[in-house]
Amino acid sequence: MPGTPTSPARPGDGAGDGWEWDVDQEWLDAESLRTLAAEDAAMVGGPDDDGIPVPVFFDDDAFADEELLAMRGPVSGWDVVLLSSIDPGTLSVEGRLAYARRVEAVKALAAAMDARATVALAGVDGSDSMTDRHATMEVALVRRVGEGVAASAIATARALHVEFPKFRAALAAGEVSEWHCRVLVSETSHVTDPDTIAALQDRLLPKAKRKTPTEFRRDVRTAVADLDAEREADRVARARANRYVSCRQLPDGMGYLGIVLDWPTISAMHQVVDARGRALQAVRGGAKAVREGDDDALADACRADAFAASILGTVGEDGSVVFDPADIPVSLTLVMDLETLRGEANRHALLDGEAIPAGIAREYAGVATTWRRAVTDPVTGHLQDYGREQYLPDKLRDYVLARDHCRGPGCTTRSPKRLQMDHAIPFPDGETSAGNCGGCCNRHHPLKTAGYLDIHDSSTDGSATFLTAWGQKISIPPRPFLHDPADWAPPRTPATSEPVEPPPPGPPTAPGGDVHPPWRDPDASPF
């Protein structure tokens, strides 16, 4: 063999502090390729379970698996071949650790390749906001992720190629992880001086190689404070100008409210909320009540209720706070079917677009004072009519936005404040109708207006086909307004006991050649 160990001991025996190998990397790559070919040949003609091939693991003829892992040099694509040929369950504890380390190195190499591909698609210049927004959308579609995730990936890839090339090389070598690079880029995004960026790279790279991403984040912040001290005042002023309040829905009818302010103010606010929460907990019986099963007496629940009372309650002369949630005027959109409202069924409902259990929905419905009739197709679940709310006119915009939300590929924007009416065929050539109009968020609508998106085959049920400037074609199906009928349709049983021939492969096809889901079969009952 081209390479030989410098010690007669075997690495699998655990001898090793002074262990060294002198191995020809080309020979190892050739052995990996030979193993892959043998594995492929065995899987083609090997045993299978229900038609699914069972992986077959091979041992190298000359070396044990643990020896091969120990002999590997810098990480490369051939490590995927080697790792796939080894069953980690057959290794010793030391061997499994070596296997796991190699997997992490391969993941880092793949992340470096992904960054290279991302830059090839999006480029390194993001100065043109509209072009950059379009590139973000295209990358999101390719990677099948949201545009926020795609934007973060683009920013990281650009920084690794332009500002931190040493980190990119370390990532490709498996010396740092993708998470280290994400931390580096996010924590230095406000640093603009090239000399400072170079100094940060040289100082932080050794730390990234030996610390976890969480530990590394503290090192990055410390380094920025040291090396970019002259711009500290500007950073603080910019951060203070960007203070904000955020609100989002959570599962099970809950929600989240957060505020970003300077730390002294946040700390003072928390101390007040904590003190009022402790007082409320004492009123509710404290730890004894918790032991008896009263969840309202939990410390976190009391702090949350005290915080809500501080904002929405009435403060008395003695400092006490009176708060009754039922007295708070709030407008919510609750969507549920009539059977669930009556208690005859327990299908989920929608609270401002978020699914909630039937029982909670009925509680909210019990205090509702205004109703709107929404008519859906019983077979497809598509919205057919968005009725008139009390004292409000019926508008095409209300109907279309309720039917579609945003029709952009992969977009989940629901808030009417962020939605705009879009004509698939621009006005005045295209009519203002439910078939030609659809909802688009304030991110995708400008892209369509600028020519980066085009919409074809817009239909009254909300379906459409999106064509991007890079040639990606995405079909947007109509979205069930409340329930997907397929989730509630009982399994069909044959009318007779005679054998039923299996359907031909592929989805059923209408006479005109249009593919439709099984529940669109006119002979089938949806419930």
Protein backbone atom coordinates (compact mmCIF):
# COMPACT_ATOMS: atom_id res chain seq x y z
CA MET A 1 0.00 0.00 0.00
CA PRO A 2 1.25 3.56 -0.64
CA GLY A 3 1.09 4.66 2.99
CA THR A 4 2.11 2.81 6.15
CA PRO A 5 1.69 3.54 9.83
CA THR A 6 4.76 4.73 11.71
CA SER A 7 3.94 2.52 14.70
CA PRO A 8 3.12 -1.19 14.81
CA ALA A 9 0.11 -0.50 17.06
CA ARG A 10 -3.38 -0.32 15.55
CA PRO A 11 -5.45 2.87 15.95
CA GLY A 12 -8.51 0.79 16.75
CA ASP A 13 -6.75 -0.53 19.87
CA GLY A 14 -6.91 2.92 21.45
CA ALA A 15 -3.11 3.35 21.63
CA GLY A 16 -2.76 6.65 20.40
CA ASP A 17 -1.49 9.82 21.89
CA GLY A 18 1.71 9.61 19.87
CA TRP A 19 0.03 7.95 16.94
CA GLU A 20 0.81 9.25 13.45
CA TRP A 21 -0.12 8.06 9.98
CA ASP A 22 1.64 8.69 6.70
CA VAL A 23 -1.06 7.94 4.15
CA ASP A 24 -1.44 8.64 0.44
CA GLN A 25 -4.69 10.62 0.17
CA GLU A 26 -5.18 9.63 -3.48
CA TRP A 27 -5.09 5.97 -2.50
CA LEU A 28 -7.74 6.57 0.17
CA ASP A 29 -9.96 8.34 -2.35
CA ALA A 30 -9.58 5.44 -4.76
CA GLU A 31 -10.48 2.99 -2.00
CA SER A 32 -13.55 5.06 -1.17
CA LEU A 33 -14.63 5.00 -4.81
CA ARG A 34 -14.12 1.23 -4.98
CA THR A 35 -16.23 0.78 -1.85
CA LEU A 36 -19.02 2.93 -3.27
CA ALA A 37 -19.08 0.91 -6.50
CA ALA A 38 -19.25 -2.33 -4.55
CA GLU A 39 -22.06 -1.00 -2.36
CA ASP A 40 -24.07 0.18 -5.37
CA ALA A 41 -23.69 -3.20 -7.05
CA ALA A 42 -24.82 -5.00 -3.91
CA MET A 43 -27.84 -2.75 -3.42
CA VAL A 44 -29.01 -3.30 -6.99
CA GLY A 45 -28.98 -7.07 -6.62
CA GLY A 46 -29.22 -7.33 -2.86
CA PRO A 47 -32.13 -8.09 -0.53
CA ASP A 48 -34.97 -5.66 -0.13
CA ASP A 49 -37.96 -5.10 2.11
CA ASP A 50 -41.21 -4.20 0.36
CA GLY A 51 -39.25 -3.07 -2.66
CA ILE A 52 -36.96 -0.75 -0.65
CA PRO A 53 -33.28 -1.77 -0.85
CA VAL A 54 -31.64 -2.52 2.47
CA PRO A 55 -28.24 -0.75 2.81
CA VAL A 56 -25.30 -3.13 2.92
CA PHE A 57 -22.20 -2.09 4.83
CA PHE A 58 -18.73 -3.14 3.75
CA ASP A 59 -15.42 -3.49 5.52
CA ASP A 60 -12.29 -2.48 3.65
CA ASP A 61 -10.24 -5.52 2.71
CA ALA A 62 -7.04 -4.16 4.23
CA PHE A 63 -8.14 -1.93 7.10
CA ALA A 64 -10.84 -1.82 9.74
CA ASP A 65 -13.43 0.97 9.60
CA GLU A 66 -11.90 2.75 12.58
CA GLU A 67 -8.50 2.68 10.90
CA LEU A 68 -9.95 4.28 7.77
CA LEU A 69 -11.56 7.03 9.87
CA ALA A 70 -8.29 7.67 11.67
CA MET A 71 -6.31 7.76 8.43
CA ARG A 72 -8.46 10.39 6.69
CA GLY A 73 -6.80 13.72 6.05
CA PRO A 74 -8.59 16.99 5.20
CA VAL A 75 -12.32 16.65 4.66
CA SER A 76 -13.46 16.15 1.07
CA GLY A 77 -16.45 14.91 -0.87
CA TRP A 78 -15.06 11.38 -0.67
CA ASP A 79 -15.82 11.35 3.05
CA VAL A 80 -19.50 11.00 2.15
CA VAL A 81 -18.60 7.76 0.35
CA LEU A 82 -16.55 6.50 3.27
CA LEU A 83 -19.15 7.38 5.90
CA SER A 84 -21.95 5.80 3.91
CA SER A 85 -19.98 2.54 3.74
CA ILE A 86 -19.57 2.31 7.53
CA ASP A 87 -22.20 1.17 10.00
CA PRO A 88 -21.48 3.33 13.09
CA GLY A 89 -23.30 0.83 15.28
CA THR A 90 -20.44 -1.65 14.79
CA LEU A 91 -17.77 0.78 16.01
CA SER A 92 -16.31 1.19 19.46
CA VAL A 93 -17.14 4.30 21.46
CA GLU A 94 -13.93 5.91 20.21
CA GLY A 95 -14.84 4.96 16.65
CA ARG A 96 -18.36 6.37 16.95
CA LEU A 97 -16.92 9.65 18.18
CA ALA A 98 -14.55 9.74 15.22
CA TYR A 99 -17.47 8.97 12.91
CA ALA A 100 -19.57 11.78 14.41
CA ARG A 101 -16.69 14.26 14.10
CA ARG A 102 -16.28 13.35 10.45
CA VAL A 103 -19.99 13.83 9.84
CA GLU A 104 -19.76 17.32 11.34
CA ALA A 105 -16.81 18.11 9.07
CA VAL A 106 -18.80 16.96 6.03
CA LYS A 107 -21.74 19.15 7.10
CA ALA A 108 -19.38 22.14 7.26
CA LEU A 109 -18.04 21.33 3.81
CA ALA A 110 -21.59 21.13 2.46
CA ALA A 111 -22.36 24.50 4.09
CA ALA A 112 -19.35 26.03 2.32
CA MET A 113 -20.58 24.59 -0.99
CA ASP A 114 -24.03 25.98 -0.30
CA ALA A 115 -22.56 29.44 0.37
CA ARG A 116 -20.69 29.26 -2.93
CA ALA A 117 -23.88 28.29 -4.77
CA THR A 118 -25.85 31.05 -3.04
CA VAL A 119 -23.35 33.71 -4.09
CA ALA A 120 -23.39 32.33 -7.64
CA LEU A 121 -27.17 32.88 -7.69
CA ALA A 122 -27.53 36.13 -5.74
CA GLY A 123 -24.17 37.77 -6.41
CA VAL A 124 -22.09 39.69 -3.90
CA ASP A 125 -23.71 43.09 -4.44
CA GLY A 126 -26.98 43.77 -2.66
CA SER A 127 -27.12 47.52 -3.22
CA ASP A 128 -30.12 47.37 -5.58
CA SER A 129 -33.01 46.61 -3.23
CA MET A 130 -35.46 45.44 -5.88
CA THR A 131 -32.93 43.16 -7.60
CA ASP A 132 -31.86 41.82 -4.23
CA ARG A 133 -35.48 41.19 -3.22
CA HIS A 134 -35.99 39.25 -6.44
CA ALA A 135 -32.84 37.18 -5.86
CA THR A 136 -34.02 36.41 -2.33
CA MET A 137 -37.34 35.12 -3.65
CA GLU A 138 -35.63 32.93 -6.26
CA VAL A 139 -33.18 31.47 -3.70
CA ALA A 140 -36.04 30.78 -1.29
CA LEU A 141 -37.88 28.83 -3.98
CA VAL A 142 -34.79 26.81 -4.87
CA ARG A 143 -34.05 25.98 -1.24
CA ARG A 144 -37.73 25.52 -0.32
CA VAL A 145 -37.47 27.89 2.66
CA GLY A 146 -39.04 31.19 3.63
CA GLU A 147 -37.66 34.42 2.24
CA GLY A 148 -36.42 35.51 5.66
CA VAL A 149 -34.27 32.39 5.92
CA ALA A 150 -33.08 32.89 2.34
CA ALA A 151 -32.14 36.52 3.04
CA SER A 152 -30.11 35.45 6.06
CA ALA A 153 -28.33 32.77 4.01
CA ILE A 154 -27.50 35.28 1.28
CA ALA A 155 -26.10 37.76 3.79
CA THR A 156 -23.94 35.06 5.38
CA ALA A 157 -22.68 33.77 2.02
CA ARG A 158 -21.79 37.27 0.81
CA ALA A 159 -19.93 38.12 4.00
CA LEU A 160 -17.93 34.88 3.85
CA HIS A 161 -16.87 35.60 0.29
CA VAL A 162 -16.19 39.34 0.61
CA GLU A 163 -15.30 40.12 4.22
CA PHE A 164 -14.35 36.85 5.93
CA PRO A 165 -12.61 34.59 3.36
CA LYS A 166 -10.52 32.91 6.07
CA PHE A 167 -13.71 31.76 7.79
CA ARG A 168 -15.00 30.44 4.47
CA ALA A 169 -11.79 28.40 4.04
CA ALA A 170 -12.08 27.11 7.62
CA LEU A 171 -15.71 26.14 6.96
CA ALA A 172 -14.74 24.21 3.83
CA ALA A 173 -12.03 22.44 5.84
CA GLY A 174 -14.51 21.43 8.55
CA GLU A 175 -12.70 23.50 11.19
CA VAL A 176 -15.70 25.71 12.06
CA SER A 177 -19.42 25.13 11.68
CA GLU A 178 -22.11 26.94 9.73
CA TRP A 179 -23.46 28.25 13.05
CA HIS A 180 -20.15 29.91 13.90
CA CYS A 181 -20.29 31.74 10.57
CA ARG A 182 -23.90 32.81 11.13
CA VAL A 183 -22.99 34.23 14.55
CA LEU A 184 -19.99 36.06 13.10
CA VAL A 185 -21.99 37.69 10.31
CA SER A 186 -25.02 38.64 12.41
CA GLU A 187 -22.94 40.16 15.21
CA THR A 188 -20.70 42.18 12.85
CA SER A 189 -23.29 43.36 10.32
CA HIS A 190 -22.97 46.94 11.56
CA VAL A 191 -19.16 47.03 11.24
CA THR A 192 -18.17 48.74 8.00
CA ASP A 193 -14.46 49.63 8.28
CA PRO A 194 -12.37 47.14 6.22
CA ASP A 195 -9.38 47.30 8.58
CA THR A 196 -11.60 46.57 11.57
CA ILE A 197 -13.21 43.63 9.75
CA ALA A 198 -9.78 42.18 8.93
CA ALA A 199 -8.69 42.55 12.55
CA LEU A 200 -11.90 40.87 13.74
CA GLN A 201 -11.29 37.93 11.40
CA ASP A 202 -7.74 37.37 12.60
CA ARG A 203 -8.71 37.62 16.27
CA LEU A 204 -11.85 35.49 16.13
CA LEU A 205 -10.95 32.60 13.84
CA PRO A 206 -8.80 30.75 16.45
CA LYS A 207 -11.60 31.15 18.99
CA ALA A 208 -14.24 29.81 16.60
CA LYS A 209 -12.21 26.63 16.08
CA ARG A 210 -12.35 25.66 19.75
CA LYS A 211 -15.58 27.13 21.15
CA THR A 212 -19.28 26.51 20.77
CA PRO A 213 -21.33 29.04 18.81
CA THR A 214 -22.88 30.38 22.02
CA GLU A 215 -19.46 30.93 23.59
CA PHE A 216 -18.20 32.37 20.33
CA ARG A 217 -21.01 34.96 20.25
CA ARG A 218 -19.69 36.53 23.45
CA ASP A 219 -16.19 36.61 21.97
CA VAL A 220 -17.48 38.36 18.84
CA ARG A 221 -19.27 41.03 20.86
CA THR A 222 -16.19 41.57 23.02
CA ALA A 223 -13.98 41.88 19.95
CA VAL A 224 -16.32 44.39 18.32
CA ALA A 225 -16.35 46.48 21.50
CA ASP A 226 -12.54 46.46 21.56
CA LEU A 227 -11.74 46.92 17.87
CA ASP A 228 -14.60 49.18 16.82
CA ALA A 229 -14.77 51.33 19.95
CA GLU A 230 -14.66 54.61 18.02
CA ARG A 231 -18.01 53.81 16.44
CA GLU A 232 -19.67 52.58 19.64
CA ALA A 233 -21.70 55.77 20.04
CA ASP A 234 -23.01 55.48 16.48
CA ARG A 235 -23.98 51.83 17.04
CA VAL A 236 -25.81 52.64 20.27
CA ALA A 237 -27.69 55.51 18.63
CA ARG A 238 -28.64 53.33 15.66
CA ALA A 239 -29.78 50.50 17.92
CA ARG A 240 -31.86 52.87 20.03
CA ALA A 241 -33.49 54.30 16.91
CA ASN A 242 -34.47 50.74 15.95
CA ARG A 243 -36.40 49.97 19.15
CA TYR A 244 -39.71 48.27 18.45
CA VAL A 245 -42.65 46.22 19.70
CA SER A 246 -43.48 42.88 18.09
CA CYS A 247 -46.62 40.80 18.21
CA ARG A 248 -47.32 37.34 16.80
CA GLN A 249 -49.74 34.49 17.22
CA LEU A 250 -48.86 31.25 18.96
CA PRO A 251 -50.60 27.86 18.87
CA ASP A 252 -53.64 27.03 21.02
CA GLY A 253 -55.12 30.51 20.91
CA MET A 254 -52.13 32.16 22.60
CA GLY A 255 -50.00 35.10 21.49
CA TYR A 256 -46.65 36.78 22.09
CA LEU A 257 -45.92 40.44 22.78
CA GLY A 258 -42.32 41.65 22.96
CA ILE A 259 -40.57 44.99 23.26
CA VAL A 260 -36.99 45.99 22.43
CA LEU A 261 -35.63 48.98 24.36
CA ASP A 262 -32.40 49.95 26.07
CA TRP A 263 -31.42 47.48 28.79
CA PRO A 264 -31.83 49.81 31.82
CA THR A 265 -35.45 50.50 30.82
CA ILE A 266 -36.18 46.82 30.14
CA SER A 267 -34.61 45.81 33.46
CA ALA A 268 -36.68 48.37 35.36
CA MET A 269 -39.88 47.26 33.61
CA HIS A 270 -39.19 43.63 34.47
CA GLN A 271 -38.61 44.45 38.13
CA VAL A 272 -42.01 46.17 38.31
CA VAL A 273 -43.76 43.28 36.54
CA ASP A 274 -42.01 40.75 38.77
CA ALA A 275 -43.03 42.60 41.95
CA ARG A 276 -46.66 42.88 40.86
CA GLY A 277 -46.63 39.23 39.81
CA ARG A 278 -45.43 38.16 43.26
CA ALA A 279 -48.18 40.21 44.89
CA LEU A 280 -50.80 38.63 42.62
CA GLN A 281 -49.42 35.18 43.34
CA ALA A 282 -49.82 35.77 47.05
CA VAL A 283 -53.45 36.80 46.52
CA ARG A 284 -54.07 33.60 44.56
CA GLY A 285 -52.71 31.37 47.31
CA GLY A 286 -49.04 31.08 46.42
CA ALA A 287 -47.17 27.78 46.41
CA LYS A 288 -49.94 26.00 48.32
CA ALA A 289 -52.43 26.75 45.56
CA VAL A 290 -49.96 25.49 42.96
CA ARG A 291 -49.53 22.21 44.85
CA GLU A 292 -53.32 21.85 44.89
CA GLY A 293 -53.42 22.15 41.11
CA ASP A 294 -54.23 25.83 40.54
CA ASP A 295 -52.17 26.72 37.46
CA ASP A 296 -53.26 30.37 37.71
CA ALA A 297 -51.07 30.64 40.82
CA LEU A 298 -47.89 29.73 38.96
CA ALA A 299 -45.25 32.47 39.10
CA ASP A 300 -45.01 32.90 35.33
CA ALA A 301 -48.78 33.02 34.93
CA CYS A 302 -49.04 35.67 37.64
CA ARG A 303 -46.33 37.79 36.03
CA ALA A 304 -48.09 37.57 32.66
CA ASP A 305 -51.45 38.52 34.17
CA ALA A 306 -49.88 41.37 36.15
CA PHE A 307 -48.24 42.70 32.99
CA ALA A 308 -51.55 42.62 31.11
CA ALA A 309 -53.29 44.34 34.03
CA SER A 310 -50.63 47.06 34.09
CA ILE A 311 -51.48 47.97 30.48
CA LEU A 312 -55.19 47.23 30.26
CA GLY A 313 -56.38 47.48 33.84
CA THR A 314 -57.55 50.37 35.99
CA VAL A 315 -55.27 51.60 38.76
CA GLY A 316 -57.06 52.57 41.98
CA GLU A 317 -56.09 55.33 44.40
CA ASP A 318 -54.48 52.76 46.69
CA GLY A 319 -52.34 51.43 43.85
CA SER A 320 -54.40 48.27 43.28
CA VAL A 321 -55.11 47.22 39.70
CA VAL A 322 -58.54 46.05 38.57
CA PHE A 323 -58.51 44.02 35.37
CA ASP A 324 -61.33 42.06 33.74
CA PRO A 325 -60.43 40.65 30.29
CA ALA A 326 -64.12 40.60 29.34
CA ASP A 327 -64.22 44.40 29.47
CA ILE A 328 -61.50 44.88 26.86
CA PRO A 329 -62.84 45.87 23.41
CA VAL A 330 -60.96 43.80 20.84
CA SER A 331 -61.68 42.82 17.24
CA LEU A 332 -60.82 39.26 16.24
CA THR A 333 -61.67 37.12 13.25
CA LEU A 334 -63.00 33.74 14.33
CA VAL A 335 -63.84 31.22 11.60
CA MET A 336 -65.61 27.95 12.40
CA ASP A 337 -68.15 25.71 10.74
CA LEU A 338 -71.74 25.59 11.90
CA GLU A 339 -71.58 22.02 13.21
CA THR A 340 -68.58 22.85 15.41
CA LEU A 341 -70.29 26.00 16.67
CA ARG A 342 -73.31 23.91 17.68
CA GLY A 343 -71.13 21.32 19.40
CA GLU A 344 -72.10 18.61 16.91
CA ALA A 345 -68.52 18.33 15.59
CA ASN A 346 -65.07 19.17 16.87
CA ARG A 347 -63.18 20.43 13.85
CA HIS A 348 -60.55 23.10 14.39
CA ALA A 349 -61.41 26.79 13.98
CA LEU A 350 -59.31 29.75 12.88
CA LEU A 351 -58.54 32.68 15.17
CA ASP A 352 -57.04 35.46 13.04
CA GLY A 353 -55.89 32.71 10.70
CA GLU A 354 -54.31 30.47 13.37
CA ALA A 355 -55.83 27.03 14.04
CA ILE A 356 -57.31 26.57 17.53
CA PRO A 357 -59.18 23.64 19.11
CA ALA A 358 -62.96 23.51 18.81
CA GLY A 359 -63.62 23.94 22.54
CA ILE A 360 -61.59 27.15 22.77
CA ALA A 361 -63.29 28.46 19.62
CA ARG A 362 -66.73 27.96 21.15
CA GLU A 363 -65.63 29.92 24.22
CA TYR A 364 -64.60 32.86 22.02
CA ALA A 365 -67.78 32.55 19.97
CA GLY A 366 -69.83 32.77 23.16
CA VAL A 367 -68.86 36.43 23.66
CA ALA A 368 -68.84 37.50 19.99
CA THR A 369 -71.11 40.45 19.18
CA THR A 370 -70.59 40.70 15.40
CA TRP A 371 -70.79 37.92 12.83
CA ARG A 372 -69.87 37.57 9.18
CA ARG A 373 -71.18 34.80 6.94
CA ALA A 374 -68.44 32.95 5.01
CA VAL A 375 -69.66 30.37 2.48
CA THR A 376 -67.28 27.58 1.44
CA ASP A 377 -67.62 24.83 -1.12
CA PRO A 378 -68.50 21.64 0.84
CA VAL A 379 -66.36 19.50 -1.46
CA THR A 380 -63.23 21.58 -1.98
CA GLY A 381 -63.36 23.90 1.04
CA HIS A 382 -62.65 26.92 -1.20
CA LEU A 383 -64.16 30.24 -0.22
CA GLN A 384 -67.19 31.12 -2.35
CA ASP A 385 -68.62 34.12 -0.54
CA TYR A 386 -67.32 36.39 2.21
CA GLY A 387 -70.56 37.79 3.54
CA ARG A 388 -71.45 41.18 4.92
CA GLU A 389 -70.44 41.99 8.46
CA GLN A 390 -72.96 43.93 10.46
CA TYR A 391 -73.07 47.61 9.39
CA LEU A 392 -70.23 47.10 6.83
CA PRO A 393 -70.53 46.92 3.02
CA ASP A 394 -69.51 43.87 1.06
CA LYS A 395 -66.34 44.60 -0.91
CA LEU A 396 -64.47 42.65 -3.50
CA ARG A 397 -61.24 43.39 -1.70
CA ASP A 398 -62.51 41.82 1.53
CA TYR A 399 -63.50 38.68 -0.34
CA VAL A 400 -60.29 38.31 -2.34
CA LEU A 401 -57.92 38.93 0.57
CA ALA A 402 -59.88 36.56 2.81
CA ARG A 403 -59.78 33.93 0.07
CA ASP A 404 -56.09 34.21 -0.79
CA HIS A 405 -54.03 35.85 1.93
CA CYS A 406 -50.86 36.37 -0.17
CA ARG A 407 -50.71 34.22 -3.29
CA GLY A 408 -46.92 34.59 -3.54
CA PRO A 409 -45.00 31.28 -3.62
CA GLY A 410 -44.36 30.08 -0.09
CA CYS A 411 -45.63 33.33 1.45
CA THR A 412 -47.60 33.14 4.70
CA THR A 413 -48.53 36.82 5.07
CA ARG A 414 -52.10 37.10 6.37
CA SER A 415 -52.49 40.58 7.83
CA PRO A 416 -54.75 42.79 5.65
CA LYS A 417 -52.47 45.71 6.53
CA ARG A 418 -49.67 44.03 4.56
CA LEU A 419 -51.78 42.83 1.63
CA GLN A 420 -52.53 44.59 -1.64
CA MET A 421 -54.99 43.82 -4.42
CA ASP A 422 -53.22 42.65 -7.57
CA HIS A 423 -54.53 42.28 -11.12
CA ALA A 424 -53.04 39.20 -12.80
CA ILE A 425 -53.61 40.90 -16.15
CA PRO A 426 -52.86 44.56 -15.37
CA PHE A 427 -55.70 47.06 -15.39
CA PRO A 428 -57.23 48.30 -17.69
CA ASP A 429 -56.52 45.32 -19.97
CA GLY A 430 -57.56 42.98 -17.17
CA GLU A 431 -60.90 43.34 -15.45
CA THR A 432 -61.40 43.94 -11.75
CA SER A 433 -62.96 40.62 -10.81
CA ALA A 434 -62.52 37.72 -8.43
CA GLY A 435 -60.95 35.72 -11.27
CA ASN A 436 -58.35 38.29 -12.32
CA CYS A 437 -57.63 39.73 -8.87
CA GLY A 438 -55.71 38.19 -6.01
CA GLY A 439 -53.96 39.09 -2.81
CA CYS A 440 -50.23 39.92 -2.80
CA CYS A 441 -48.18 41.15 0.13
CA ASN A 442 -46.23 44.38 0.05
CA ARG A 443 -43.11 42.37 -0.76
CA HIS A 444 -44.32 40.29 -3.72
CA HIS A 445 -46.61 42.88 -5.29
CA PRO A 446 -43.75 45.31 -6.13
CA LEU A 447 -41.76 42.40 -7.59
CA LYS A 448 -44.63 41.62 -9.94
CA THR A 449 -45.03 45.28 -10.85
CA ALA A 450 -41.29 45.50 -11.63
CA GLY A 451 -41.46 42.45 -13.90
CA TYR A 452 -39.66 39.92 -11.71
CA LEU A 453 -42.88 37.89 -11.36
CA ASP A 454 -45.72 37.13 -13.73
CA ILE A 455 -49.06 35.50 -12.98
CA HIS A 456 -50.85 33.20 -15.40
CA ASP A 457 -54.12 31.24 -15.18
CA SER A 458 -55.59 33.29 -12.33
CA SER A 459 -58.92 31.76 -11.32
CA THR A 460 -61.91 32.65 -9.17
CA ASP A 461 -60.98 29.91 -6.68
CA GLY A 462 -57.69 31.69 -5.93
CA SER A 463 -55.44 29.35 -7.90
CA ALA A 464 -52.76 30.74 -10.20
CA THR A 465 -49.41 29.98 -11.81
CA PHE A 466 -46.39 32.11 -10.94
CA LEU A 467 -43.49 32.46 -13.39
CA THR A 468 -40.28 34.03 -12.06
CA ALA A 469 -37.73 36.00 -14.05
CA TRP A 470 -35.28 33.10 -13.73
CA GLY A 471 -37.78 30.69 -15.25
CA GLN A 472 -39.08 28.94 -12.14
CA LYS A 473 -42.73 27.93 -12.53
CA ILE A 474 -44.81 27.50 -9.39
CA SER A 475 -48.44 26.41 -9.28
CA ILE A 476 -50.45 28.04 -6.48
CA PRO A 477 -53.44 25.82 -5.68
CA PRO A 478 -56.68 27.13 -4.21
CA ARG A 479 -56.49 27.06 -0.43
CA PRO A 480 -59.29 25.62 1.68
CA PHE A 481 -60.65 28.50 3.71
CA LEU A 482 -61.24 26.54 6.91
CA HIS A 483 -60.87 22.75 6.57
CA ASP A 484 -59.18 20.59 4.01
CA PRO A 485 -61.97 18.12 3.17
CA ALA A 486 -59.41 15.37 2.66
CA ASP A 487 -58.65 15.48 6.40
CA TRP A 488 -62.26 14.66 7.28
CA ALA A 489 -63.40 12.36 4.47
CA PRO A 490 -63.98 8.81 5.78
CA PRO A 491 -62.29 5.97 3.88
CA ARG A 492 -64.39 4.62 1.05
CA THR A 493 -65.45 0.99 1.31
CA PRO A 494 -66.44 -1.19 -1.65
CA ALA A 495 -70.17 -1.78 -2.09
CA THR A 496 -69.54 -5.51 -2.65
CA SER A 497 -67.09 -8.04 -1.34
CA GLU A 498 -65.64 -8.64 -4.79
CA PRO A 499 -61.99 -7.68 -5.29
CA VAL A 500 -61.50 -4.10 -6.38
CA GLU A 501 -58.87 -3.42 -9.00
CA PRO A 502 -56.27 -0.88 -7.88
CA PRO A 503 -56.44 2.49 -9.62
CA PRO A 504 -53.88 3.26 -12.29
CA PRO A 505 -50.72 5.00 -11.06
CA GLY A 506 -50.80 8.78 -10.83
CA PRO A 507 -53.55 11.21 -9.85
CA PRO A 508 -57.02 10.87 -11.39
CA THR A 509 -57.57 12.91 -14.53
CA ALA A 510 -60.65 14.77 -15.69
CA PRO A 511 -61.88 14.33 -19.28
CA GLY A 512 -60.08 17.47 -20.35
CA GLY A 513 -56.79 16.22 -18.95
CA ASP A 514 -56.79 18.39 -15.80
CA VAL A 515 -55.43 16.72 -12.69
CA HIS A 516 -57.71 16.95 -9.68
CA PRO A 517 -57.53 15.58 -6.11
CA PRO A 518 -59.44 12.41 -5.21
CA TRP A 519 -62.17 14.27 -3.33
CA ARG A 520 -63.14 16.07 -6.53
CA ASP A 521 -64.51 12.77 -7.86
CA PRO A 522 -68.18 13.63 -8.62
CA ASP A 523 -69.26 10.15 -7.48
CA ALA A 524 -67.55 10.45 -4.11
CA SER A 525 -69.09 11.81 -0.94
CA PRO A 526 -66.78 14.27 0.85
CA PHE A 527 -68.08 13.30 4.30
